Amino acid sequence: QVQLVESGGGLVQAGGSLRLSCAASGSIFSIAVMGWYRQAPGKQRELVAKVTSGGRINYADSMKGRFTISRDNTKNTVYLQMNSLKPEDTAVYYCNAYALLTGRDYWGQGTQVTVSS
């Protein structure tokens, strides 16, 4: 089992920045990929960015240049630095971990990000 605890969400004005953190615990040795997804009201959950244990990173096209994902393997933590935030970035942001050996996805409880115009 893997447990994920997110922090760092909140309310920010358009153009502002936020940094999300996600700390993993439990069977962390099995985690191959960690990432962030988001879900806005009435919309499907979508990928924001993900990073492999080897450091390979993927971003959703709309996040490139504004969001930066990073991973500290010594702290079992993944971060999402979000700059130049827009009202359309308002969503619940979820941390995700994928365990290669079991093929399971684990999710955090979600953290609300609200960007006011």
C-alpha atoms as a PDB file:
ATOM      1  CA  GLN A   1       0.000   0.000   0.000  1.00  0.00           C
ATOM      2  CA  VAL A   2       1.016   3.551  -0.705  1.00  0.00           C
ATOM      3  CA  GLN A   3      -0.315   6.579   1.121  1.00  0.00           C
ATOM      4  CA  LEU A   4      -0.169  10.032  -0.411  1.00  0.00           C
ATOM      5  CA  VAL A   5      -0.647  13.281   1.477  1.00  0.00           C
ATOM      6  CA  GLU A   6      -0.963  16.524  -0.455  1.00  0.00           C
ATOM      7  CA  SER A   7      -0.522  20.065   0.773  1.00  0.00           C
ATOM      8  CA  GLY A   8      -0.158  23.551  -0.604  1.00  0.00           C
ATOM      9  CA  GLY A   9      -3.468  24.337  -2.236  1.00  0.00           C
ATOM     10  CA  GLY A  10      -5.389  27.524  -1.626  1.00  0.00           C
ATOM     11  CA  LEU A  11      -6.779  30.703  -3.071  1.00  0.00           C
ATOM     12  CA  VAL A  12      -4.617  32.892  -5.280  1.00  0.00           C
ATOM     13  CA  GLN A  13      -5.201  35.750  -7.679  1.00  0.00           C
ATOM     14  CA  ALA A  14      -4.694  35.328 -11.388  1.00  0.00           C
ATOM     15  CA  GLY A  15      -1.028  35.624 -12.252  1.00  0.00           C
ATOM     16  CA  GLY A  16       0.025  34.311  -8.880  1.00  0.00           C
ATOM     17  CA  SER A  17       1.872  31.161  -7.895  1.00  0.00           C
ATOM     18  CA  LEU A  18       1.340  28.142  -5.710  1.00  0.00           C
ATOM     19  CA  ARG A  19       3.469  25.140  -4.844  1.00  0.00           C
ATOM     20  CA  LEU A  20       1.868  21.792  -4.170  1.00  0.00           C
ATOM     21  CA  SER A  21       3.602  18.999  -2.303  1.00  0.00           C
ATOM     22  CA  CYS A  22       2.807  15.309  -2.108  1.00  0.00           C
ATOM     23  CA  ALA A  23       4.534  13.041   0.372  1.00  0.00           C
ATOM     24  CA  ALA A  24       4.421   9.302  -0.174  1.00  0.00           C
ATOM     25  CA  SER A  25       4.685   6.653   2.506  1.00  0.00           C
ATOM     26  CA  GLY A  26       4.204   2.920   2.754  1.00  0.00           C
ATOM     27  CA  SER A  27       5.455   0.684  -0.039  1.00  0.00           C
ATOM     28  CA  ILE A  28       7.351   3.501  -1.690  1.00  0.00           C
ATOM     29  CA  PHE A  29       9.900   1.136  -3.219  1.00  0.00           C
ATOM     30  CA  SER A  30       7.219   0.040  -5.666  1.00  0.00           C
ATOM     31  CA  ILE A  31       6.480   3.520  -7.008  1.00  0.00           C
ATOM     32  CA  ALA A  32       7.583   3.992 -10.595  1.00  0.00           C
ATOM     33  CA  VAL A  33       5.751   7.180 -11.498  1.00  0.00           C
ATOM     34  CA  MET A  34       4.407  10.072  -9.473  1.00  0.00           C
ATOM     35  CA  GLY A  35       2.353  12.860 -10.834  1.00  0.00           C
ATOM     36  CA  TRP A  36      -0.405  15.387 -10.541  1.00  0.00           C
ATOM     37  CA  TYR A  37      -3.867  15.332 -12.019  1.00  0.00           C
ATOM     38  CA  ARG A  38      -6.662  17.835 -11.675  1.00  0.00           C
ATOM     39  CA  GLN A  39     -10.412  17.841 -11.902  1.00  0.00           C
ATOM     40  CA  ALA A  40     -12.482  20.942 -12.405  1.00  0.00           C
ATOM     41  CA  PRO A  41     -16.210  20.992 -11.652  1.00  0.00           C
ATOM     42  CA  GLY A  42     -18.151  19.186 -14.348  1.00  0.00           C
ATOM     43  CA  LYS A  43     -15.012  17.985 -16.102  1.00  0.00           C
ATOM     44  CA  GLN A  44     -13.031  14.789 -16.252  1.00  0.00           C
ATOM     45  CA  ARG A  45      -9.833  14.332 -14.321  1.00  0.00           C
ATOM     46  CA  GLU A  46      -6.856  15.254 -16.482  1.00  0.00           C
ATOM     47  CA  LEU A  47      -3.112  14.852 -16.328  1.00  0.00           C
ATOM     48  CA  VAL A  48      -1.113  17.882 -15.263  1.00  0.00           C
ATOM     49  CA  ALA A  49       2.379  16.401 -15.124  1.00  0.00           C
ATOM     50  CA  LYS A  50       4.171  13.229 -14.134  1.00  0.00           C
ATOM     51  CA  VAL A  51       7.720  12.161 -13.408  1.00  0.00           C
ATOM     52  CA  THR A  52       9.283   8.716 -13.351  1.00  0.00           C
ATOM     53  CA  SER A  53      11.692   7.466 -10.726  1.00  0.00           C
ATOM     54  CA  GLY A  54      14.389   7.945 -13.343  1.00  0.00           C
ATOM     55  CA  GLY A  55      13.494  11.592 -13.827  1.00  0.00           C
ATOM     56  CA  ARG A  56      11.574  11.464 -17.105  1.00  0.00           C
ATOM     57  CA  ILE A  57       8.900  14.171 -17.132  1.00  0.00           C
ATOM     58  CA  ASN A  58       5.707  14.633 -19.096  1.00  0.00           C
ATOM     59  CA  TYR A  59       3.450  17.685 -19.052  1.00  0.00           C
ATOM     60  CA  ALA A  60       0.023  18.269 -20.443  1.00  0.00           C
ATOM     61  CA  ASP A  61       0.419  20.704 -23.316  1.00  0.00           C
ATOM     62  CA  SER A  62      -1.595  23.433 -21.615  1.00  0.00           C
ATOM     63  CA  MET A  63       0.687  23.360 -18.550  1.00  0.00           C
ATOM     64  CA  LYS A  64       4.016  23.545 -20.337  1.00  0.00           C
ATOM     65  CA  GLY A  65       5.961  26.657 -19.466  1.00  0.00           C
ATOM     66  CA  ARG A  66       3.828  27.545 -16.452  1.00  0.00           C
ATOM     67  CA  PHE A  67       3.996  24.440 -14.274  1.00  0.00           C
ATOM     68  CA  THR A  68       7.078  22.583 -13.110  1.00  0.00           C
ATOM     69  CA  ILE A  69       7.066  19.142 -11.549  1.00  0.00           C
ATOM     70  CA  SER A  70       9.956  17.889  -9.478  1.00  0.00           C
ATOM     71  CA  ARG A  71      10.643  14.846  -7.376  1.00  0.00           C
ATOM     72  CA  ASP A  72      12.834  14.409  -4.321  1.00  0.00           C
ATOM     73  CA  ASN A  73      13.445  10.706  -3.992  1.00  0.00           C
ATOM     74  CA  THR A  74      15.227  11.184  -0.662  1.00  0.00           C
ATOM     75  CA  LYS A  75      12.028  12.625   0.799  1.00  0.00           C
ATOM     76  CA  ASN A  76       9.618  10.520  -1.261  1.00  0.00           C
ATOM     77  CA  THR A  77       7.958  13.759  -2.249  1.00  0.00           C
ATOM     78  CA  VAL A  78       6.798  15.234  -5.519  1.00  0.00           C
ATOM     79  CA  TYR A  79       6.209  18.943  -6.019  1.00  0.00           C
ATOM     80  CA  LEU A  80       4.232  21.004  -8.484  1.00  0.00           C
ATOM     81  CA  GLN A  81       5.262  24.611  -8.884  1.00  0.00           C
ATOM     82  CA  MET A  82       2.482  26.528 -10.582  1.00  0.00           C
ATOM     83  CA  ASN A  83       3.179  29.997 -11.960  1.00  0.00           C
ATOM     84  CA  SER A  84       1.107  32.486 -13.939  1.00  0.00           C
ATOM     85  CA  LEU A  85      -2.053  30.876 -12.676  1.00  0.00           C
ATOM     86  CA  LYS A  86      -5.283  31.450 -14.540  1.00  0.00           C
ATOM     87  CA  PRO A  87      -8.899  31.150 -13.389  1.00  0.00           C
ATOM     88  CA  GLU A  88      -9.232  28.092 -15.612  1.00  0.00           C
ATOM     89  CA  ASP A  89      -6.597  26.370 -13.462  1.00  0.00           C
ATOM     90  CA  THR A  90      -9.159  26.233 -10.668  1.00  0.00           C
ATOM     91  CA  ALA A  91      -9.654  22.578  -9.762  1.00  0.00           C
ATOM     92  CA  VAL A  92      -9.006  19.916  -7.200  1.00  0.00           C
ATOM     93  CA  TYR A  93      -5.462  18.708  -7.703  1.00  0.00           C
ATOM     94  CA  TYR A  94      -4.725  15.072  -6.967  1.00  0.00           C
ATOM     95  CA  CYS A  95      -1.400  13.405  -6.392  1.00  0.00           C
ATOM     96  CA  ASN A  96      -0.957  10.051  -8.095  1.00  0.00           C
ATOM     97  CA  ALA A  97       1.513   7.239  -7.690  1.00  0.00           C
ATOM     98  CA  TYR A  98       1.795   4.270  -9.996  1.00  0.00           C
ATOM     99  CA  ALA A  99       3.260   1.052  -8.635  1.00  0.00           C
ATOM    100  CA  LEU A 100       4.920  -0.871 -11.429  1.00  0.00           C
ATOM    101  CA  LEU A 101       4.989  -4.272  -9.753  1.00  0.00           C
ATOM    102  CA  THR A 102       1.270  -4.355  -8.993  1.00  0.00           C
ATOM    103  CA  GLY A 103       0.005  -2.106 -11.746  1.00  0.00           C
ATOM    104  CA  ARG A 104      -1.958  -0.146  -9.174  1.00  0.00           C
ATOM    105  CA  ASP A 105      -2.679   3.537  -9.065  1.00  0.00           C
ATOM    106  CA  TYR A 106      -2.807   5.324  -5.736  1.00  0.00           C
ATOM    107  CA  TRP A 107      -4.427   8.696  -5.161  1.00  0.00           C
ATOM    108  CA  GLY A 108      -4.192  11.405  -2.576  1.00  0.00           C
ATOM    109  CA  GLN A 109      -7.229  13.054  -1.065  1.00  0.00           C
ATOM    110  CA  GLY A 110      -6.941  16.090  -3.319  1.00  0.00           C
ATOM    111  CA  THR A 111      -6.192  19.713  -2.600  1.00  0.00           C
ATOM    112  CA  GLN A 112      -8.296  22.616  -3.825  1.00  0.00           C
ATOM    113  CA  VAL A 113      -6.693  25.301  -5.950  1.00  0.00           C
ATOM    114  CA  THR A 114      -8.825  28.349  -6.641  1.00  0.00           C
ATOM    115  CA  VAL A 115      -7.626  31.151  -8.903  1.00  0.00           C
ATOM    116  CA  SER A 116      -9.631  34.351  -8.761  1.00  0.00           C
ATOM    117  CA  SER A 117      -9.805  36.784 -11.660  1.00  0.00           C
END
